[in-house]
Amino acid sequence: LPILFPQQSGLYEYKIFGGLADCSPKLCADVYMDLDFRKQWDQYVKELYEKTYDGEKVIYWEVKYPFPLSNRDYVYIRERREMDIDGRKIWVVLAQSVSVPQCPEKPGIIRVKSYKQSVAIESDGKTGSKVYIYYFDNPGGMIPSWLVNWAAKSGVPAFLKDMQKACFNYSKST
């Protein structure tokens, strides 16, 4: 997991390269986009839903943080595209935080105001997928180094395993 340390912000950006065996790129993208299903397989989701404000679909996501830290929440927009680049089919999901007056901050929860994610998924040439994720957020507050280290070493690989398991269960549930 190569991690960049941008000097200007002092915060980490994550670049993740991985593979999901026996999960087609379309299935991965479908699972990734299905918010209701994510509530079933992602143990860190406290609240997650999509609403339309002023004609724009906006996602609200509250993430459980370990005690004694406060939970974080995100308000963001996202877009999914299927692209054909020189005969390679690539599924792309882009997400970015937005400020929506109709979705105010909640007491006791820290709003992540700076969040950006880019996901690209393509076939691995067999029955699985290659996945690339770029992720950045500013979680606000004081995040202890043990949590940052856990996210880089354990949390991200665990997310890919959970996602793979979710893909297998998704095909059974749809």
C-alpha atoms as a PDB file:
ATOM      1  CA  LEU A   1       0.000   0.000   0.000  1.00  0.00           C
ATOM      2  CA  PRO A   2       1.958   3.006  -1.165  1.00  0.00           C
ATOM      3  CA  ILE A   3       1.025   5.993   0.971  1.00  0.00           C
ATOM      4  CA  LEU A   4       1.833   9.539   0.002  1.00  0.00           C
ATOM      5  CA  PHE A   5       2.514  12.178   2.611  1.00  0.00           C
ATOM      6  CA  PRO A   6       1.673  15.556   1.090  1.00  0.00           C
ATOM      7  CA  GLN A   7       3.716  18.234   2.824  1.00  0.00           C
ATOM      8  CA  GLN A   8       1.119  20.963   2.359  1.00  0.00           C
ATOM      9  CA  SER A   9      -1.630  19.300   4.424  1.00  0.00           C
ATOM     10  CA  GLY A  10       0.264  16.872   6.631  1.00  0.00           C
ATOM     11  CA  LEU A  11      -2.510  14.325   5.956  1.00  0.00           C
ATOM     12  CA  TYR A  12      -2.284  10.942   4.279  1.00  0.00           C
ATOM     13  CA  GLU A  13      -3.589  10.086   0.846  1.00  0.00           C
ATOM     14  CA  TYR A  14      -4.138   6.406   0.134  1.00  0.00           C
ATOM     15  CA  LYS A  15      -3.600   4.584  -3.147  1.00  0.00           C
ATOM     16  CA  ILE A  16      -4.821   1.020  -3.109  1.00  0.00           C
ATOM     17  CA  PHE A  17      -4.159  -1.587  -5.780  1.00  0.00           C
ATOM     18  CA  GLY A  18      -5.850  -4.926  -5.296  1.00  0.00           C
ATOM     19  CA  GLY A  19      -7.606  -7.821  -6.862  1.00  0.00           C
ATOM     20  CA  LEU A  20     -10.954  -9.446  -6.224  1.00  0.00           C
ATOM     21  CA  ALA A  21     -10.927 -13.038  -7.453  1.00  0.00           C
ATOM     22  CA  ASP A  22     -14.157 -14.389  -8.935  1.00  0.00           C
ATOM     23  CA  CYS A  23     -15.892 -10.979  -8.798  1.00  0.00           C
ATOM     24  CA  SER A  24     -16.614  -9.444 -12.187  1.00  0.00           C
ATOM     25  CA  PRO A  25     -15.986  -5.707 -12.571  1.00  0.00           C
ATOM     26  CA  LYS A  26     -19.691  -4.992 -13.118  1.00  0.00           C
ATOM     27  CA  LEU A  27     -20.613  -6.944  -9.983  1.00  0.00           C
ATOM     28  CA  CYS A  28     -17.955  -5.060  -7.972  1.00  0.00           C
ATOM     29  CA  ALA A  29     -19.289  -1.729  -9.220  1.00  0.00           C
ATOM     30  CA  ASP A  30     -22.894  -2.758  -8.479  1.00  0.00           C
ATOM     31  CA  VAL A  31     -21.982  -3.816  -4.917  1.00  0.00           C
ATOM     32  CA  TYR A  32     -19.963  -0.638  -4.383  1.00  0.00           C
ATOM     33  CA  MET A  33     -22.885   1.549  -5.485  1.00  0.00           C
ATOM     34  CA  ASP A  34     -25.617  -0.278  -3.530  1.00  0.00           C
ATOM     35  CA  LEU A  35     -25.952   1.733  -0.316  1.00  0.00           C
ATOM     36  CA  ASP A  36     -28.670  -0.432   1.248  1.00  0.00           C
ATOM     37  CA  PHE A  37     -26.603  -3.563   0.718  1.00  0.00           C
ATOM     38  CA  ARG A  38     -23.502  -1.853   2.140  1.00  0.00           C
ATOM     39  CA  LYS A  39     -25.320  -1.394   5.454  1.00  0.00           C
ATOM     40  CA  GLN A  40     -25.451  -5.210   5.654  1.00  0.00           C
ATOM     41  CA  TRP A  41     -21.764  -5.949   5.062  1.00  0.00           C
ATOM     42  CA  ASP A  42     -19.803  -2.875   6.214  1.00  0.00           C
ATOM     43  CA  GLN A  43     -19.509  -3.002  10.013  1.00  0.00           C
ATOM     44  CA  TYR A  44     -18.421   0.657  10.194  1.00  0.00           C
ATOM     45  CA  VAL A  45     -21.645   2.068   8.714  1.00  0.00           C
ATOM     46  CA  LYS A  46     -23.785   3.747  11.370  1.00  0.00           C
ATOM     47  CA  GLU A  47     -26.106   5.545   8.940  1.00  0.00           C
ATOM     48  CA  LEU A  48     -26.105   5.674   5.129  1.00  0.00           C
ATOM     49  CA  TYR A  49     -28.669   7.010   2.687  1.00  0.00           C
ATOM     50  CA  GLU A  50     -29.138   9.034  -0.489  1.00  0.00           C
ATOM     51  CA  LYS A  51     -31.430  12.065  -0.761  1.00  0.00           C
ATOM     52  CA  THR A  52     -32.099  14.615  -3.453  1.00  0.00           C
ATOM     53  CA  TYR A  53     -31.463  18.269  -2.588  1.00  0.00           C
ATOM     54  CA  ASP A  54     -32.112  20.945  -5.227  1.00  0.00           C
ATOM     55  CA  GLY A  55     -32.180  18.272  -7.948  1.00  0.00           C
ATOM     56  CA  GLU A  56     -28.828  16.748  -6.940  1.00  0.00           C
ATOM     57  CA  LYS A  57     -28.446  13.284  -5.392  1.00  0.00           C
ATOM     58  CA  VAL A  58     -26.427  13.578  -2.196  1.00  0.00           C
ATOM     59  CA  ILE A  59     -25.215  10.794   0.101  1.00  0.00           C
ATOM     60  CA  TYR A  60     -25.098  11.033   3.885  1.00  0.00           C
ATOM     61  CA  TRP A  61     -22.749   8.532   5.578  1.00  0.00           C
ATOM     62  CA  GLU A  62     -21.980   8.259   9.283  1.00  0.00           C
ATOM     63  CA  VAL A  63     -18.957   6.106  10.105  1.00  0.00           C
ATOM     64  CA  LYS A  64     -18.416   4.396  13.464  1.00  0.00           C
ATOM     65  CA  TYR A  65     -15.074   5.267  15.070  1.00  0.00           C
ATOM     66  CA  PRO A  66     -13.594   3.311  17.970  1.00  0.00           C
ATOM     67  CA  PHE A  67     -14.159   4.577  21.516  1.00  0.00           C
ATOM     68  CA  PRO A  68     -13.221   7.181  22.763  1.00  0.00           C
ATOM     69  CA  LEU A  69     -13.187   8.916  19.350  1.00  0.00           C
ATOM     70  CA  SER A  70     -16.249  10.675  17.920  1.00  0.00           C
ATOM     71  CA  ASN A  71     -17.956   9.221  14.874  1.00  0.00           C
ATOM     72  CA  ARG A  72     -17.410  11.018  11.570  1.00  0.00           C
ATOM     73  CA  ASP A  73     -19.981  11.836   8.925  1.00  0.00           C
ATOM     74  CA  TYR A  74     -19.707  12.637   5.240  1.00  0.00           C
ATOM     75  CA  VAL A  75     -21.992  14.478   2.844  1.00  0.00           C
ATOM     76  CA  TYR A  76     -20.953  13.826  -0.725  1.00  0.00           C
ATOM     77  CA  ILE A  77     -21.917  13.355  -4.345  1.00  0.00           C
ATOM     78  CA  ARG A  78     -20.782  10.485  -6.534  1.00  0.00           C
ATOM     79  CA  GLU A  79     -20.934   9.404 -10.121  1.00  0.00           C
ATOM     80  CA  ARG A  80     -20.479   6.050 -11.851  1.00  0.00           C
ATOM     81  CA  ARG A  81     -19.372   5.646 -15.439  1.00  0.00           C
ATOM     82  CA  GLU A  82     -18.611   2.675 -17.640  1.00  0.00           C
ATOM     83  CA  MET A  83     -15.789   3.562 -19.998  1.00  0.00           C
ATOM     84  CA  ASP A  84     -14.303   1.850 -23.018  1.00  0.00           C
ATOM     85  CA  ILE A  85     -10.628   2.696 -23.400  1.00  0.00           C
ATOM     86  CA  ASP A  86      -8.913   0.977 -26.329  1.00  0.00           C
ATOM     87  CA  GLY A  87     -11.242  -2.017 -25.959  1.00  0.00           C
ATOM     88  CA  ARG A  88     -10.777  -2.230 -22.178  1.00  0.00           C
ATOM     89  CA  LYS A  89     -13.995  -1.796 -20.231  1.00  0.00           C
ATOM     90  CA  ILE A  90     -13.379   0.143 -17.012  1.00  0.00           C
ATOM     91  CA  TRP A  91     -15.936   1.018 -14.348  1.00  0.00           C
ATOM     92  CA  VAL A  92     -15.161   4.337 -12.641  1.00  0.00           C
ATOM     93  CA  VAL A  93     -16.756   5.767  -9.500  1.00  0.00           C
ATOM     94  CA  LEU A  94     -15.897   9.301  -8.386  1.00  0.00           C
ATOM     95  CA  ALA A  95     -16.985  10.796  -5.060  1.00  0.00           C
ATOM     96  CA  GLN A  96     -16.399  14.190  -3.482  1.00  0.00           C
ATOM     97  CA  SER A  97     -17.649  15.998  -0.404  1.00  0.00           C
ATOM     98  CA  VAL A  98     -20.163  18.822  -0.805  1.00  0.00           C
ATOM     99  CA  SER A  99     -21.725  21.340   1.519  1.00  0.00           C
ATOM    100  CA  VAL A 100     -25.506  21.050   1.695  1.00  0.00           C
ATOM    101  CA  PRO A 101     -27.388  23.476   3.988  1.00  0.00           C
ATOM    102  CA  GLN A 102     -30.308  20.997   4.283  1.00  0.00           C
ATOM    103  CA  CYS A 103     -27.919  18.468   5.851  1.00  0.00           C
ATOM    104  CA  PRO A 104     -26.471  20.270   8.878  1.00  0.00           C
ATOM    105  CA  GLU A 105     -23.806  18.920  11.214  1.00  0.00           C
ATOM    106  CA  LYS A 106     -25.029  16.822  14.138  1.00  0.00           C
ATOM    107  CA  PRO A 107     -23.867  17.320  17.735  1.00  0.00           C
ATOM    108  CA  GLY A 108     -21.197  14.842  18.837  1.00  0.00           C
ATOM    109  CA  ILE A 109     -20.304  13.833  15.264  1.00  0.00           C
ATOM    110  CA  ILE A 110     -17.380  15.394  13.388  1.00  0.00           C
ATOM    111  CA  ARG A 111     -18.219  16.382   9.790  1.00  0.00           C
ATOM    112  CA  VAL A 112     -15.555  15.404   7.256  1.00  0.00           C
ATOM    113  CA  LYS A 113     -15.579  18.436   5.000  1.00  0.00           C
ATOM    114  CA  SER A 114     -12.737  17.388   2.717  1.00  0.00           C
ATOM    115  CA  TYR A 115     -13.258  13.954   1.121  1.00  0.00           C
ATOM    116  CA  LYS A 116     -12.358  12.662  -2.319  1.00  0.00           C
ATOM    117  CA  GLN A 117     -12.350   9.163  -3.738  1.00  0.00           C
ATOM    118  CA  SER A 118     -11.709   7.701  -7.180  1.00  0.00           C
ATOM    119  CA  VAL A 119     -12.289   4.019  -7.945  1.00  0.00           C
ATOM    120  CA  ALA A 120     -11.427   2.186 -11.169  1.00  0.00           C
ATOM    121  CA  ILE A 121     -12.358  -1.462 -11.703  1.00  0.00           C
ATOM    122  CA  GLU A 122     -11.510  -3.640 -14.687  1.00  0.00           C
ATOM    123  CA  SER A 123     -11.279  -7.308 -15.532  1.00  0.00           C
ATOM    124  CA  ASP A 124      -8.218  -9.227 -14.399  1.00  0.00           C
ATOM    125  CA  GLY A 125      -8.419 -11.204 -17.651  1.00  0.00           C
ATOM    126  CA  LYS A 126     -10.036 -14.151 -15.868  1.00  0.00           C
ATOM    127  CA  THR A 127     -13.180 -14.195 -13.701  1.00  0.00           C
ATOM    128  CA  GLY A 128     -12.097 -11.469 -11.302  1.00  0.00           C
ATOM    129  CA  SER A 129     -11.299  -7.794 -11.138  1.00  0.00           C
ATOM    130  CA  LYS A 130      -8.380  -5.465 -10.684  1.00  0.00           C
ATOM    131  CA  VAL A 131      -9.238  -2.545  -8.412  1.00  0.00           C
ATOM    132  CA  TYR A 132      -7.540   0.817  -7.991  1.00  0.00           C
ATOM    133  CA  ILE A 133      -8.704   3.238  -5.298  1.00  0.00           C
ATOM    134  CA  TYR A 134      -7.416   6.722  -4.534  1.00  0.00           C
ATOM    135  CA  TYR A 135      -8.735   8.016  -1.227  1.00  0.00           C
ATOM    136  CA  PHE A 136      -8.275  11.216   0.739  1.00  0.00           C
ATOM    137  CA  ASP A 137     -10.153  12.737   3.624  1.00  0.00           C
ATOM    138  CA  ASN A 138      -9.480  15.120   6.449  1.00  0.00           C
ATOM    139  CA  PRO A 139     -11.119  13.378   9.416  1.00  0.00           C
ATOM    140  CA  GLY A 140     -10.788  16.447  11.632  1.00  0.00           C
ATOM    141  CA  GLY A 141      -9.924  16.361  15.300  1.00  0.00           C
ATOM    142  CA  MET A 142      -6.932  14.502  16.657  1.00  0.00           C
ATOM    143  CA  ILE A 143      -6.595  11.032  15.150  1.00  0.00           C
ATOM    144  CA  PRO A 144      -4.089   8.916  17.083  1.00  0.00           C
ATOM    145  CA  SER A 145      -1.236   7.398  15.092  1.00  0.00           C
ATOM    146  CA  TRP A 146      -2.327   3.864  16.125  1.00  0.00           C
ATOM    147  CA  LEU A 147      -5.600   4.369  14.232  1.00  0.00           C
ATOM    148  CA  VAL A 148      -3.846   5.738  11.136  1.00  0.00           C
ATOM    149  CA  ASN A 149      -1.457   2.763  11.209  1.00  0.00           C
ATOM    150  CA  TRP A 150      -4.339   0.321  11.689  1.00  0.00           C
ATOM    151  CA  ALA A 151      -6.197   1.810   8.689  1.00  0.00           C
ATOM    152  CA  ALA A 152      -3.151   1.490   6.432  1.00  0.00           C
ATOM    153  CA  LYS A 153      -2.053  -1.983   7.556  1.00  0.00           C
ATOM    154  CA  SER A 154      -5.312  -3.726   8.419  1.00  0.00           C
ATOM    155  CA  GLY A 155      -8.385  -1.644   7.645  1.00  0.00           C
ATOM    156  CA  VAL A 156      -7.886  -1.245   3.909  1.00  0.00           C
ATOM    157  CA  PRO A 157      -6.992  -4.910   3.188  1.00  0.00           C
ATOM    158  CA  ALA A 158      -9.918  -5.964   5.404  1.00  0.00           C
ATOM    159  CA  PHE A 159     -12.214  -3.689   3.370  1.00  0.00           C
ATOM    160  CA  LEU A 160     -11.196  -5.458   0.136  1.00  0.00           C
ATOM    161  CA  LYS A 161     -11.846  -8.864   1.757  1.00  0.00           C
ATOM    162  CA  ASP A 162     -15.236  -7.667   3.020  1.00  0.00           C
ATOM    163  CA  MET A 163     -16.026  -6.306  -0.435  1.00  0.00           C
ATOM    164  CA  GLN A 164     -15.145  -9.647  -2.022  1.00  0.00           C
ATOM    165  CA  LYS A 165     -17.373 -11.492   0.448  1.00  0.00           C
ATOM    166  CA  ALA A 166     -20.141  -8.952  -0.256  1.00  0.00           C
ATOM    167  CA  CYS A 167     -19.827  -9.640  -4.005  1.00  0.00           C
ATOM    168  CA  PHE A 168     -20.381 -13.371  -3.409  1.00  0.00           C
ATOM    169  CA  ASN A 169     -23.402 -12.672  -1.187  1.00  0.00           C
ATOM    170  CA  TYR A 170     -24.793 -10.030  -3.554  1.00  0.00           C
ATOM    171  CA  SER A 171     -25.058 -12.458  -6.427  1.00  0.00           C
ATOM    172  CA  LYS A 172     -27.004 -14.807  -4.122  1.00  0.00           C
ATOM    173  CA  SER A 173     -29.328 -12.053  -2.877  1.00  0.00           C
ATOM    174  CA  THR A 174     -30.227 -10.487  -6.250  1.00  0.00           C
END
